[in-house]
Amino acid sequence: MNIFSSLGITPTDSQLEKLDQYYAFLTEKNAVMNLTAITDLEGVYYKHFYDSLSLSKGIDLSKVDTMLDIGSGAGFPGIVIKIFYPNVKLTIVDSLNKRITFLGELLNHLGINDVELVADRAENFVLQRRNHYDLVTARAVAPINILDELALPFVKTGGYLVAMKASNLEEELNLAKRGIGILGGKVEEIISFLLPNGYGERHLLKVKKIKENNHYPRAFKDIKKKPL
């Protein structure tokens, strides 16, 4: 059975093998690293793998050149996207070095060698990659009124930020609309859907970068204390 058919995705044998390897490696390392609270096979496949690929509901990933995944944790959605869309030049930035180390080991285990891994805070790394990426995404990293200032400065004009949220989207968006505008973004679409097998509701907030604002981001303590 193809669990990704509702996304219009038919995996190759090689991709399915990589997902199996991913699952085995994740659960092995999770015993000592606490990477995810979800460890059962079905849960990982639907709540991590399927959920990661649901990004394709908002963006044609076959046409994405450069992508940044902020706070990827155990590699979601970035590495799953890379398995299915090898055309994507993927960068992952995460502030915890131990997670970046895990991702490096995972990529080596999967035989994927063209992903850039960066152990840094997003508000520091943006100094090297401002207005650079076609697509920036983050999955359950921060409320939108904080995420927007961390993420939109990375997006090139005409590119997209897609925030992947499980809940509270409308409430978070109401608090973030002013900041999104200040940062040069415009909310283009909200895509809501249910994960299969009763695994919950998900939302994709699709924000287009329509102009540059090179005055942001501020230091994280200031972002958190007083969101735009």
N, C-alpha and C. Protein backbone atom coordinates (compact mmCIF):
# COMPACT_ATOMS: atom_id res chain seq x y z
N MET A 1 0.83 -1.20 0.00
CA MET A 1 0.00 0.00 0.00
C MET A 1 0.87 1.25 0.00
N ASN A 2 0.52 2.22 -0.83
CA ASN A 2 1.24 3.48 -0.90
C ASN A 2 0.56 4.51 -0.01
N ILE A 3 1.12 4.79 1.15
CA ILE A 3 0.47 5.73 2.08
C ILE A 3 0.58 7.17 1.61
N PHE A 4 1.41 7.42 0.60
CA PHE A 4 1.61 8.79 0.11
C PHE A 4 0.76 9.10 -1.12
N SER A 5 -0.12 8.18 -1.50
CA SER A 5 -0.88 8.36 -2.75
C SER A 5 -1.76 9.61 -2.71
N SER A 6 -2.28 9.96 -1.53
CA SER A 6 -3.13 11.15 -1.44
C SER A 6 -2.35 12.44 -1.64
N LEU A 7 -1.02 12.35 -1.62
CA LEU A 7 -0.16 13.49 -1.92
C LEU A 7 0.28 13.49 -3.38
N GLY A 8 -0.18 12.49 -4.13
CA GLY A 8 0.22 12.37 -5.53
C GLY A 8 1.64 11.87 -5.69
N ILE A 9 2.14 11.15 -4.68
CA ILE A 9 3.52 10.67 -4.68
C ILE A 9 3.53 9.15 -4.73
N THR A 10 4.27 8.59 -5.68
CA THR A 10 4.47 7.15 -5.77
C THR A 10 5.95 6.87 -5.54
N PRO A 11 6.32 6.37 -4.35
CA PRO A 11 7.74 6.18 -4.04
C PRO A 11 8.38 5.09 -4.89
N THR A 12 9.66 5.27 -5.18
CA THR A 12 10.44 4.21 -5.81
C THR A 12 10.88 3.22 -4.74
N ASP A 13 11.36 2.06 -5.17
CA ASP A 13 11.87 1.08 -4.21
C ASP A 13 13.04 1.66 -3.42
N SER A 14 13.86 2.45 -4.08
CA SER A 14 15.00 3.07 -3.41
C SER A 14 14.55 4.05 -2.33
N GLN A 15 13.53 4.84 -2.62
CA GLN A 15 13.01 5.79 -1.63
C GLN A 15 12.40 5.07 -0.44
N LEU A 16 11.65 4.00 -0.70
CA LEU A 16 11.06 3.23 0.40
C LEU A 16 12.15 2.59 1.26
N GLU A 17 13.21 2.13 0.62
CA GLU A 17 14.32 1.54 1.37
C GLU A 17 14.98 2.59 2.27
N LYS A 18 15.13 3.80 1.75
CA LYS A 18 15.73 4.88 2.55
C LYS A 18 14.85 5.24 3.74
N LEU A 19 13.52 5.23 3.54
CA LEU A 19 12.63 5.51 4.67
C LEU A 19 12.74 4.42 5.73
N ASP A 20 12.84 3.18 5.30
CA ASP A 20 13.03 2.08 6.26
C ASP A 20 14.34 2.24 7.03
N GLN A 21 15.40 2.61 6.32
CA GLN A 21 16.69 2.85 6.96
C GLN A 21 16.61 4.03 7.93
N TYR A 22 15.92 5.06 7.50
CA TYR A 22 15.73 6.26 8.33
C TYR A 22 15.04 5.88 9.64
N TYR A 23 13.94 5.11 9.52
CA TYR A 23 13.18 4.71 10.71
C TYR A 23 14.06 3.90 11.67
N ALA A 24 14.78 2.94 11.14
CA ALA A 24 15.62 2.09 11.99
C ALA A 24 16.71 2.90 12.68
N PHE A 25 17.34 3.81 11.94
CA PHE A 25 18.42 4.63 12.50
C PHE A 25 17.87 5.60 13.54
N LEU A 26 16.72 6.20 13.24
CA LEU A 26 16.10 7.14 14.17
C LEU A 26 15.75 6.48 15.50
N THR A 27 15.13 5.32 15.44
CA THR A 27 14.70 4.67 16.67
C THR A 27 15.90 4.14 17.46
N GLU A 28 16.95 3.73 16.76
CA GLU A 28 18.16 3.29 17.45
C GLU A 28 18.81 4.45 18.20
N LYS A 29 18.99 5.57 17.53
CA LYS A 29 19.64 6.73 18.15
C LYS A 29 18.75 7.41 19.20
N ASN A 30 17.42 7.29 19.00
CA ASN A 30 16.49 7.94 19.92
C ASN A 30 16.59 7.37 21.34
N ALA A 31 17.04 6.14 21.43
CA ALA A 31 17.16 5.51 22.75
C ALA A 31 18.14 6.25 23.65
N VAL A 32 19.09 6.96 23.04
CA VAL A 32 20.09 7.68 23.84
C VAL A 32 20.06 9.19 23.63
N MET A 33 19.34 9.67 22.61
CA MET A 33 19.38 11.10 22.28
C MET A 33 18.07 11.85 22.45
N ASN A 34 16.96 11.15 22.64
CA ASN A 34 15.66 11.81 22.80
C ASN A 34 15.35 12.74 21.63
N LEU A 35 15.32 12.18 20.43
CA LEU A 35 15.07 12.94 19.21
C LEU A 35 13.59 13.13 18.92
N THR A 36 12.78 12.15 19.31
CA THR A 36 11.35 12.21 19.03
C THR A 36 10.58 11.40 20.08
N ALA A 37 9.37 11.87 20.39
CA ALA A 37 8.50 11.11 21.30
C ALA A 37 7.74 10.03 20.54
N ILE A 38 7.75 10.12 19.22
CA ILE A 38 7.02 9.16 18.37
C ILE A 38 8.01 8.13 17.86
N THR A 39 7.83 6.88 18.24
CA THR A 39 8.79 5.84 17.84
C THR A 39 8.14 4.62 17.19
N ASP A 40 6.81 4.49 17.28
CA ASP A 40 6.19 3.33 16.65
C ASP A 40 6.21 3.53 15.13
N LEU A 41 6.25 2.42 14.41
CA LEU A 41 6.43 2.44 12.96
C LEU A 41 5.35 3.28 12.27
N GLU A 42 4.09 3.01 12.56
CA GLU A 42 3.01 3.73 11.89
C GLU A 42 3.04 5.21 12.25
N GLY A 43 3.30 5.51 13.51
CA GLY A 43 3.37 6.90 13.94
C GLY A 43 4.45 7.68 13.22
N VAL A 44 5.63 7.10 13.09
CA VAL A 44 6.73 7.78 12.40
C VAL A 44 6.40 7.98 10.93
N TYR A 45 5.81 6.97 10.31
CA TYR A 45 5.51 7.09 8.88
C TYR A 45 4.45 8.15 8.60
N TYR A 46 3.43 8.23 9.45
CA TYR A 46 2.38 9.22 9.20
C TYR A 46 2.71 10.59 9.80
N LYS A 47 3.16 10.63 11.05
CA LYS A 47 3.33 11.91 11.74
C LYS A 47 4.67 12.58 11.46
N HIS A 48 5.61 11.83 10.88
CA HIS A 48 6.88 12.43 10.49
C HIS A 48 7.08 12.38 8.97
N PHE A 49 7.07 11.20 8.37
CA PHE A 49 7.37 11.08 6.95
C PHE A 49 6.26 11.68 6.08
N TYR A 50 5.02 11.23 6.28
CA TYR A 50 3.89 11.79 5.51
C TYR A 50 3.76 13.28 5.78
N ASP A 51 3.81 13.65 7.04
CA ASP A 51 3.66 15.05 7.41
C ASP A 51 4.73 15.91 6.73
N SER A 52 5.97 15.43 6.67
CA SER A 52 7.03 16.17 5.98
C SER A 52 6.70 16.35 4.51
N LEU A 53 6.25 15.29 3.87
CA LEU A 53 5.96 15.35 2.43
C LEU A 53 4.70 16.15 2.12
N SER A 54 3.89 16.42 3.14
CA SER A 54 2.69 17.24 2.92
C SER A 54 3.05 18.66 2.50
N LEU A 55 4.31 19.04 2.66
CA LEU A 55 4.77 20.33 2.14
C LEU A 55 4.47 20.47 0.65
N SER A 56 4.40 19.33 -0.04
CA SER A 56 4.12 19.33 -1.47
C SER A 56 2.70 19.81 -1.79
N LYS A 57 1.83 19.89 -0.78
CA LYS A 57 0.50 20.44 -1.00
C LYS A 57 0.54 21.95 -1.26
N GLY A 58 1.60 22.60 -0.78
CA GLY A 58 1.68 24.04 -0.93
C GLY A 58 2.70 24.52 -1.94
N ILE A 59 3.67 23.69 -2.25
CA ILE A 59 4.78 24.08 -3.11
C ILE A 59 5.09 22.95 -4.09
N ASP A 60 5.35 23.28 -5.35
CA ASP A 60 5.82 22.28 -6.31
C ASP A 60 7.31 22.07 -6.06
N LEU A 61 7.62 21.07 -5.26
CA LEU A 61 9.01 20.85 -4.82
C LEU A 61 9.92 20.42 -5.97
N SER A 62 9.35 19.94 -7.05
CA SER A 62 10.19 19.55 -8.20
C SER A 62 10.79 20.77 -8.88
N LYS A 63 10.25 21.97 -8.55
CA LYS A 63 10.76 23.20 -9.16
C LYS A 63 11.55 24.07 -8.19
N VAL A 64 11.75 23.56 -6.97
CA VAL A 64 12.51 24.31 -5.97
C VAL A 64 14.00 24.04 -6.15
N ASP A 65 14.77 25.09 -6.20
CA ASP A 65 16.23 24.95 -6.31
C ASP A 65 16.86 24.94 -4.92
N THR A 66 16.69 26.02 -4.16
CA THR A 66 17.34 26.13 -2.85
C THR A 66 16.29 26.14 -1.75
N MET A 67 16.53 25.36 -0.69
CA MET A 67 15.60 25.25 0.43
C MET A 67 16.36 25.28 1.74
N LEU A 68 15.83 26.02 2.70
CA LEU A 68 16.37 26.05 4.06
C LEU A 68 15.33 25.49 5.01
N ASP A 69 15.74 24.55 5.84
CA ASP A 69 14.89 23.99 6.89
C ASP A 69 15.44 24.50 8.22
N ILE A 70 14.64 25.29 8.94
CA ILE A 70 15.07 25.87 10.21
C ILE A 70 14.63 24.99 11.36
N GLY A 71 15.58 24.63 12.23
CA GLY A 71 15.25 23.83 13.40
C GLY A 71 14.72 22.46 13.05
N SER A 72 15.43 21.77 12.18
CA SER A 72 14.95 20.51 11.59
C SER A 72 14.86 19.37 12.60
N GLY A 73 15.56 19.49 13.72
CA GLY A 73 15.49 18.44 14.72
C GLY A 73 16.04 17.12 14.20
N ALA A 74 15.17 16.13 14.08
CA ALA A 74 15.59 14.81 13.59
C ALA A 74 15.53 14.70 12.08
N GLY A 75 15.40 15.86 11.39
CA GLY A 75 15.44 15.86 9.93
C GLY A 75 14.13 16.07 9.23
N PHE A 76 13.13 16.56 9.98
CA PHE A 76 11.79 16.74 9.41
C PHE A 76 11.47 18.23 9.27
N PRO A 77 11.06 18.68 8.10
CA PRO A 77 10.79 17.89 6.89
C PRO A 77 11.99 17.72 5.95
N GLY A 78 13.11 18.42 6.21
CA GLY A 78 14.17 18.56 5.21
C GLY A 78 14.68 17.29 4.59
N ILE A 79 15.09 16.33 5.41
CA ILE A 79 15.74 15.14 4.85
C ILE A 79 14.73 14.25 4.12
N VAL A 80 13.50 14.21 4.61
CA VAL A 80 12.47 13.45 3.88
C VAL A 80 12.23 14.08 2.51
N ILE A 81 12.18 15.41 2.47
CA ILE A 81 12.04 16.11 1.18
C ILE A 81 13.21 15.77 0.27
N LYS A 82 14.40 15.76 0.80
CA LYS A 82 15.59 15.47 -0.01
C LYS A 82 15.55 14.06 -0.59
N ILE A 83 15.03 13.10 0.15
CA ILE A 83 14.92 11.73 -0.35
C ILE A 83 14.02 11.66 -1.58
N PHE A 84 12.93 12.42 -1.54
CA PHE A 84 11.94 12.36 -2.61
C PHE A 84 12.18 13.39 -3.71
N TYR A 85 12.89 14.46 -3.37
CA TYR A 85 13.15 15.52 -4.35
C TYR A 85 14.65 15.85 -4.34
N PRO A 86 15.45 14.99 -4.96
CA PRO A 86 16.90 15.19 -4.93
C PRO A 86 17.36 16.45 -5.66
N ASN A 87 16.45 17.06 -6.44
CA ASN A 87 16.77 18.32 -7.12
C ASN A 87 16.98 19.47 -6.14
N VAL A 88 16.44 19.36 -4.95
CA VAL A 88 16.49 20.45 -3.96
C VAL A 88 17.88 20.54 -3.35
N LYS A 89 18.46 21.74 -3.42
CA LYS A 89 19.72 22.01 -2.72
C LYS A 89 19.35 22.41 -1.29
N LEU A 90 19.51 21.48 -0.37
CA LEU A 90 18.98 21.63 0.99
C LEU A 90 20.04 22.11 1.96
N THR A 91 19.66 23.11 2.76
CA THR A 91 20.44 23.53 3.92
C THR A 91 19.58 23.33 5.16
N ILE A 92 20.18 22.77 6.20
CA ILE A 92 19.50 22.64 7.49
C ILE A 92 20.29 23.43 8.52
N VAL A 93 19.61 24.32 9.24
CA VAL A 93 20.26 25.04 10.34
C VAL A 93 19.55 24.67 11.64
N ASP A 94 20.34 24.32 12.64
CA ASP A 94 19.81 23.96 13.95
C ASP A 94 20.80 24.44 15.00
N SER A 95 20.28 24.98 16.08
CA SER A 95 21.16 25.58 17.09
C SER A 95 21.87 24.56 17.96
N LEU A 96 21.38 23.31 17.96
CA LEU A 96 22.01 22.28 18.81
C LEU A 96 22.98 21.44 18.00
N ASN A 97 24.24 21.48 18.37
CA ASN A 97 25.27 20.76 17.64
C ASN A 97 25.03 19.25 17.64
N LYS A 98 24.47 18.72 18.75
CA LYS A 98 24.26 17.26 18.81
C LYS A 98 23.23 16.81 17.77
N ARG A 99 22.27 17.67 17.45
CA ARG A 99 21.30 17.31 16.41
C ARG A 99 21.94 17.38 15.04
N ILE A 100 22.80 18.35 14.81
CA ILE A 100 23.51 18.44 13.54
C ILE A 100 24.43 17.22 13.37
N THR A 101 25.07 16.79 14.45
CA THR A 101 25.91 15.59 14.41
C THR A 101 25.07 14.37 14.04
N PHE A 102 23.89 14.23 14.66
CA PHE A 102 22.98 13.13 14.33
C PHE A 102 22.60 13.17 12.85
N LEU A 103 22.26 14.36 12.34
CA LEU A 103 21.85 14.47 10.94
C LEU A 103 22.98 14.11 10.00
N GLY A 104 24.21 14.48 10.35
CA GLY A 104 25.35 14.08 9.53
C GLY A 104 25.51 12.58 9.49
N GLU A 105 25.35 11.92 10.63
CA GLU A 105 25.44 10.46 10.68
C GLU A 105 24.29 9.82 9.90
N LEU A 106 23.10 10.41 10.01
CA LEU A 106 21.94 9.89 9.27
C LEU A 106 22.16 9.98 7.76
N LEU A 107 22.61 11.14 7.30
CA LEU A 107 22.85 11.31 5.87
C LEU A 107 23.90 10.33 5.35
N ASN A 108 24.93 10.12 6.13
CA ASN A 108 25.95 9.14 5.76
C ASN A 108 25.35 7.74 5.68
N HIS A 109 24.50 7.41 6.64
CA HIS A 109 23.83 6.11 6.69
C HIS A 109 22.92 5.91 5.47
N LEU A 110 22.29 7.01 5.02
CA LEU A 110 21.36 6.93 3.88
C LEU A 110 22.06 7.08 2.54
N GLY A 111 23.36 7.41 2.56
CA GLY A 111 24.10 7.60 1.32
C GLY A 111 23.76 8.90 0.61
N ILE A 112 23.39 9.93 1.39
CA ILE A 112 23.08 11.25 0.84
C ILE A 112 24.21 12.19 1.25
N ASN A 113 24.87 12.82 0.28
CA ASN A 113 26.08 13.57 0.63
C ASN A 113 26.05 15.04 0.19
N ASP A 114 24.92 15.53 -0.29
CA ASP A 114 24.90 16.91 -0.78
C ASP A 114 23.90 17.77 -0.02
N VAL A 115 23.90 17.63 1.31
CA VAL A 115 23.08 18.48 2.18
C VAL A 115 24.02 19.30 3.05
N GLU A 116 23.76 20.59 3.15
CA GLU A 116 24.56 21.47 3.99
C GLU A 116 23.96 21.51 5.39
N LEU A 117 24.76 21.16 6.39
CA LEU A 117 24.32 21.16 7.78
C LEU A 117 25.04 22.29 8.53
N VAL A 118 24.28 23.12 9.23
CA VAL A 118 24.84 24.28 9.90
C VAL A 118 24.41 24.28 11.36
N ALA A 119 25.37 24.24 12.26
CA ALA A 119 25.09 24.35 13.70
C ALA A 119 25.19 25.82 14.09
N ASP A 120 24.06 26.49 14.11
CA ASP A 120 24.05 27.92 14.41
C ASP A 120 22.62 28.34 14.68
N ARG A 121 22.48 29.51 15.26
CA ARG A 121 21.17 30.10 15.42
C ARG A 121 20.78 30.78 14.11
N ALA A 122 19.52 30.71 13.77
CA ALA A 122 19.05 31.28 12.49
C ALA A 122 19.38 32.76 12.39
N GLU A 123 19.22 33.50 13.49
CA GLU A 123 19.44 34.95 13.43
C GLU A 123 20.90 35.31 13.24
N ASN A 124 21.81 34.35 13.46
CA ASN A 124 23.23 34.55 13.15
C ASN A 124 23.55 34.12 11.72
N PHE A 125 23.03 32.97 11.34
CA PHE A 125 23.32 32.41 10.02
C PHE A 125 22.79 33.28 8.89
N VAL A 126 21.72 34.03 9.15
CA VAL A 126 21.13 34.88 8.11
C VAL A 126 22.12 35.92 7.59
N LEU A 127 23.12 36.25 8.38
CA LEU A 127 24.12 37.23 7.93
C LEU A 127 24.88 36.71 6.71
N GLN A 128 24.92 35.38 6.55
CA GLN A 128 25.58 34.77 5.39
C GLN A 128 24.61 34.48 4.24
N ARG A 129 23.32 34.38 4.51
CA ARG A 129 22.38 33.88 3.49
C ARG A 129 21.11 34.74 3.37
N ARG A 130 21.26 36.01 3.56
CA ARG A 130 20.09 36.90 3.45
C ARG A 130 19.55 36.91 2.02
N ASN A 131 18.22 36.89 1.89
CA ASN A 131 17.54 36.95 0.58
C ASN A 131 18.09 35.91 -0.39
N HIS A 132 18.25 34.68 0.07
CA HIS A 132 18.98 33.66 -0.69
C HIS A 132 18.11 32.50 -1.18
N TYR A 133 17.14 32.06 -0.39
CA TYR A 133 16.48 30.79 -0.65
C TYR A 133 15.14 30.93 -1.37
N ASP A 134 14.87 29.97 -2.27
CA ASP A 134 13.56 29.88 -2.92
C ASP A 134 12.47 29.53 -1.91
N LEU A 135 12.83 28.65 -0.97
CA LEU A 135 11.86 28.13 -0.01
C LEU A 135 12.52 28.01 1.35
N VAL A 136 11.86 28.54 2.36
CA VAL A 136 12.27 28.35 3.75
C VAL A 136 11.11 27.72 4.48
N THR A 137 11.39 26.70 5.27
CA THR A 137 10.32 26.04 5.99
C THR A 137 10.75 25.75 7.42
N ALA A 138 9.76 25.58 8.27
CA ALA A 138 10.00 25.22 9.66
C ALA A 138 8.77 24.47 10.15
N ARG A 139 9.01 23.44 10.93
CA ARG A 139 7.93 22.58 11.39
C ARG A 139 7.91 22.62 12.92
N ALA A 140 6.87 23.24 13.45
CA ALA A 140 6.68 23.29 14.90
C ALA A 140 7.89 23.87 15.64
N VAL A 141 8.47 24.94 15.09
CA VAL A 141 9.67 25.53 15.70
C VAL A 141 9.32 26.63 16.68
N ALA A 142 8.42 27.54 16.29
CA ALA A 142 8.08 28.69 17.12
C ALA A 142 6.76 29.27 16.66
N PRO A 143 6.09 30.07 17.51
CA PRO A 143 4.89 30.78 17.05
C PRO A 143 5.22 31.64 15.83
N ILE A 144 4.23 31.88 14.99
CA ILE A 144 4.47 32.56 13.72
C ILE A 144 5.02 33.96 13.92
N ASN A 145 4.61 34.66 14.98
CA ASN A 145 5.09 36.03 15.16
C ASN A 145 6.55 36.08 15.62
N ILE A 146 7.13 34.94 15.92
CA ILE A 146 8.57 34.84 16.17
C ILE A 146 9.26 34.22 14.96
N LEU A 147 8.65 33.18 14.40
CA LEU A 147 9.22 32.50 13.24
C LEU A 147 9.37 33.44 12.05
N ASP A 148 8.41 34.35 11.85
CA ASP A 148 8.47 35.21 10.67
C ASP A 148 9.77 36.02 10.63
N GLU A 149 10.19 36.55 11.79
CA GLU A 149 11.40 37.36 11.81
C GLU A 149 12.67 36.52 11.66
N LEU A 150 12.61 35.27 12.11
CA LEU A 150 13.75 34.37 11.94
C LEU A 150 13.88 33.88 10.50
N ALA A 151 12.74 33.68 9.83
CA ALA A 151 12.73 32.98 8.55
C ALA A 151 12.66 33.87 7.32
N LEU A 152 11.81 34.89 7.33
CA LEU A 152 11.61 35.68 6.10
C LEU A 152 12.87 36.38 5.59
N PRO A 153 13.79 36.82 6.46
CA PRO A 153 15.00 37.43 5.92
C PRO A 153 15.83 36.50 5.03
N PHE A 154 15.68 35.19 5.18
CA PHE A 154 16.40 34.23 4.34
C PHE A 154 15.79 34.11 2.95
N VAL A 155 14.51 34.44 2.80
CA VAL A 155 13.77 34.17 1.56
C VAL A 155 14.09 35.23 0.51
N LYS A 156 14.37 34.78 -0.70
CA LYS A 156 14.60 35.74 -1.79
C LYS A 156 13.26 36.32 -2.24
N THR A 157 13.29 37.50 -2.82
CA THR A 157 12.06 38.11 -3.33
C THR A 157 11.44 37.19 -4.39
N GLY A 158 10.16 36.90 -4.20
CA GLY A 158 9.47 35.96 -5.08
C GLY A 158 9.44 34.55 -4.54
N GLY A 159 10.24 34.30 -3.50
CA GLY A 159 10.26 32.99 -2.86
C GLY A 159 9.22 32.89 -1.75
N TYR A 160 9.27 31.76 -1.01
CA TYR A 160 8.21 31.48 -0.03
C TYR A 160 8.77 31.00 1.31
N LEU A 161 8.08 31.44 2.35
CA LEU A 161 8.15 30.80 3.66
C LEU A 161 6.91 29.95 3.80
N VAL A 162 7.08 28.67 4.13
CA VAL A 162 5.93 27.82 4.43
C VAL A 162 6.11 27.30 5.85
N ALA A 163 5.26 27.78 6.75
CA ALA A 163 5.28 27.33 8.14
C ALA A 163 4.33 26.14 8.27
N MET A 164 4.81 25.07 8.87
CA MET A 164 4.03 23.84 9.03
C MET A 164 3.54 23.78 10.48
N LYS A 165 2.23 23.86 10.65
CA LYS A 165 1.65 23.98 11.98
C LYS A 165 0.62 22.89 12.23
N ALA A 166 0.53 22.47 13.50
CA ALA A 166 -0.46 21.47 13.87
C ALA A 166 -1.72 22.11 14.45
N SER A 167 -1.59 23.27 15.09
CA SER A 167 -2.75 23.87 15.73
C SER A 167 -2.52 25.36 15.95
N ASN A 168 -3.57 26.04 16.40
CA ASN A 168 -3.51 27.46 16.78
C ASN A 168 -3.11 28.38 15.63
N LEU A 169 -3.30 27.95 14.39
CA LEU A 169 -2.82 28.76 13.27
C LEU A 169 -3.51 30.11 13.21
N GLU A 170 -4.84 30.12 13.30
CA GLU A 170 -5.57 31.38 13.16
C GLU A 170 -5.17 32.38 14.24
N GLU A 171 -5.08 31.89 15.46
CA GLU A 171 -4.70 32.76 16.58
C GLU A 171 -3.28 33.29 16.40
N GLU A 172 -2.35 32.42 16.01
CA GLU A 172 -0.96 32.84 15.80
C GLU A 172 -0.85 33.83 14.64
N LEU A 173 -1.61 33.58 13.58
CA LEU A 173 -1.51 34.44 12.40
C LEU A 173 -2.02 35.85 12.70
N ASN A 174 -3.08 35.95 13.50
CA ASN A 174 -3.60 37.26 13.86
C ASN A 174 -2.54 38.10 14.56
N LEU A 175 -1.71 37.45 15.37
CA LEU A 175 -0.65 38.16 16.09
C LEU A 175 0.54 38.48 15.18
N ALA A 176 0.63 37.78 14.06
CA ALA A 176 1.83 37.89 13.21
C ALA A 176 1.64 38.73 11.95
N LYS A 177 0.40 39.07 11.61
CA LYS A 177 0.15 39.72 10.32
C LYS A 177 0.95 41.01 10.15
N ARG A 178 1.01 41.84 11.18
CA ARG A 178 1.74 43.11 11.07
C ARG A 178 3.22 42.84 10.80
N GLY A 179 3.79 41.91 11.56
CA GLY A 179 5.21 41.60 11.40
C GLY A 179 5.54 41.02 10.04
N ILE A 180 4.66 40.17 9.52
CA ILE A 180 4.88 39.59 8.19
C ILE A 180 4.97 40.71 7.15
N GLY A 181 4.11 41.70 7.27
CA GLY A 181 4.13 42.83 6.35
C GLY A 181 5.41 43.64 6.48
N ILE A 182 5.82 43.93 7.70
CA ILE A 182 7.06 44.68 7.94
C ILE A 182 8.25 43.97 7.32
N LEU A 183 8.25 42.65 7.39
CA LEU A 183 9.38 41.84 6.92
C LEU A 183 9.33 41.59 5.41
N GLY A 184 8.35 42.16 4.73
CA GLY A 184 8.29 42.05 3.28
C GLY A 184 7.50 40.87 2.78
N GLY A 185 6.71 40.26 3.67
CA GLY A 185 5.94 39.10 3.27
C GLY A 185 4.46 39.39 3.07
N LYS A 186 3.80 38.49 2.37
CA LYS A 186 2.36 38.59 2.16
C LYS A 186 1.77 37.18 2.24
N VAL A 187 0.78 37.01 3.12
CA VAL A 187 0.14 35.70 3.24
C VAL A 187 -0.60 35.40 1.94
N GLU A 188 -0.22 34.31 1.31
CA GLU A 188 -0.81 33.96 0.02
C GLU A 188 -1.88 32.90 0.16
N GLU A 189 -1.67 31.96 1.10
CA GLU A 189 -2.60 30.82 1.18
C GLU A 189 -2.43 30.11 2.51
N ILE A 190 -3.53 29.57 3.00
CA ILE A 190 -3.50 28.65 4.14
C ILE A 190 -4.11 27.34 3.67
N ILE A 191 -3.36 26.27 3.81
CA ILE A 191 -3.81 24.95 3.36
C ILE A 191 -3.99 24.07 4.59
N SER A 192 -5.22 23.65 4.83
CA SER A 192 -5.53 22.81 5.99
C SER A 192 -5.96 21.43 5.52
N PHE A 193 -5.55 20.40 6.24
CA PHE A 193 -5.86 19.03 5.84
C PHE A 193 -5.72 18.11 7.04
N LEU A 194 -6.19 16.89 6.89
CA LEU A 194 -6.06 15.88 7.92
C LEU A 194 -5.02 14.85 7.52
N LEU A 195 -4.17 14.47 8.44
CA LEU A 195 -3.30 13.33 8.20
C LEU A 195 -4.15 12.06 8.13
N PRO A 196 -3.73 11.07 7.35
CA PRO A 196 -4.51 9.82 7.27
C PRO A 196 -4.57 9.10 8.62
N ASN A 197 -5.52 8.19 8.72
CA ASN A 197 -5.66 7.29 9.87
C ASN A 197 -5.88 8.03 11.19
N GLY A 198 -6.49 9.20 11.12
CA GLY A 198 -6.83 9.92 12.34
C GLY A 198 -5.66 10.50 13.09
N TYR A 199 -4.57 10.82 12.39
CA TYR A 199 -3.37 11.33 13.06
C TYR A 199 -3.37 12.85 13.23
N GLY A 200 -4.51 13.48 12.97
CA GLY A 200 -4.62 14.88 13.36
C GLY A 200 -4.66 15.86 12.20
N GLU A 201 -4.98 17.09 12.56
CA GLU A 201 -5.10 18.18 11.59
C GLU A 201 -3.77 18.88 11.42
N ARG A 202 -3.51 19.36 10.19
CA ARG A 202 -2.28 20.09 9.90
C ARG A 202 -2.61 21.31 9.04
N HIS A 203 -1.72 22.30 9.11
CA HIS A 203 -1.90 23.53 8.35
C HIS A 203 -0.57 23.94 7.74
N LEU A 204 -0.63 24.44 6.52
CA LEU A 204 0.52 25.05 5.87
C LEU A 204 0.21 26.53 5.68
N LEU A 205 1.02 27.39 6.25
CA LEU A 205 0.90 28.83 6.04
C LEU A 205 1.92 29.23 4.99
N LYS A 206 1.43 29.68 3.84
CA LYS A 206 2.28 30.00 2.70
C LYS A 206 2.41 31.51 2.58
N VAL A 207 3.62 32.02 2.80
CA VAL A 207 3.89 33.45 2.79
C VAL A 207 4.86 33.76 1.65
N LYS A 208 4.47 34.65 0.75
CA LYS A 208 5.35 35.05 -0.34
C LYS A 208 6.17 36.27 0.04
N LYS A 209 7.45 36.26 -0.29
CA LYS A 209 8.31 37.42 -0.05
C LYS A 209 8.15 38.37 -1.23
N ILE A 210 7.61 39.56 -0.96
CA ILE A 210 7.34 40.50 -2.05
C ILE A 210 8.31 41.68 -2.07
N LYS A 211 9.05 41.88 -0.98
CA LYS A 211 10.06 42.94 -0.97
C LYS A 211 11.08 42.66 0.13
N GLU A 212 12.25 43.24 -0.02
CA GLU A 212 13.31 43.05 0.96
C GLU A 212 13.20 44.07 2.08
N ASN A 213 13.55 43.63 3.29
CA ASN A 213 13.74 44.52 4.43
C ASN A 213 14.97 44.01 5.18
N ASN A 214 16.09 44.68 4.99
CA ASN A 214 17.36 44.17 5.50
C ASN A 214 17.70 44.65 6.91
N HIS A 215 16.70 45.17 7.62
CA HIS A 215 16.93 45.65 9.00
C HIS A 215 16.70 44.54 10.04
N TYR A 216 16.23 43.40 9.61
CA TYR A 216 15.90 42.30 10.53
C TYR A 216 16.65 41.04 10.11
N PRO A 217 16.80 40.07 11.01
CA PRO A 217 16.20 39.95 12.33
C PRO A 217 17.01 40.64 13.43
N ARG A 218 16.33 40.88 14.53
CA ARG A 218 16.98 41.38 15.73
C ARG A 218 17.56 40.21 16.53
N ALA A 219 18.22 40.52 17.63
CA ALA A 219 18.67 39.46 18.54
C ALA A 219 17.46 38.67 19.03
N PHE A 220 17.64 37.38 19.28
CA PHE A 220 16.50 36.54 19.62
C PHE A 220 15.78 37.01 20.88
N LYS A 221 16.54 37.49 21.86
CA LYS A 221 15.90 37.96 23.09
C LYS A 221 14.94 39.11 22.81
N ASP A 222 15.27 39.94 21.83
CA ASP A 222 14.40 41.05 21.46
C ASP A 222 13.21 40.58 20.64
N ILE A 223 13.43 39.61 19.78
CA ILE A 223 12.33 39.03 19.00
C ILE A 223 11.29 38.44 19.95
N LYS A 224 11.79 37.67 20.93
CA LYS A 224 10.89 36.98 21.86
C LYS A 224 10.19 37.95 22.81
N LYS A 225 10.94 38.97 23.24
CA LYS A 225 10.37 39.93 24.21
C LYS A 225 9.31 40.82 23.56
N LYS A 226 9.55 41.22 22.33
CA LYS A 226 8.62 42.13 21.66
C LYS A 226 8.51 41.78 20.18
N PRO A 227 7.70 40.78 19.84
CA PRO A 227 7.53 40.43 18.42
C PRO A 227 6.99 41.61 17.63
N LEU A 228 7.33 41.66 16.35
CA LEU A 228 6.89 42.77 15.49
C LEU A 228 5.36 42.88 15.42
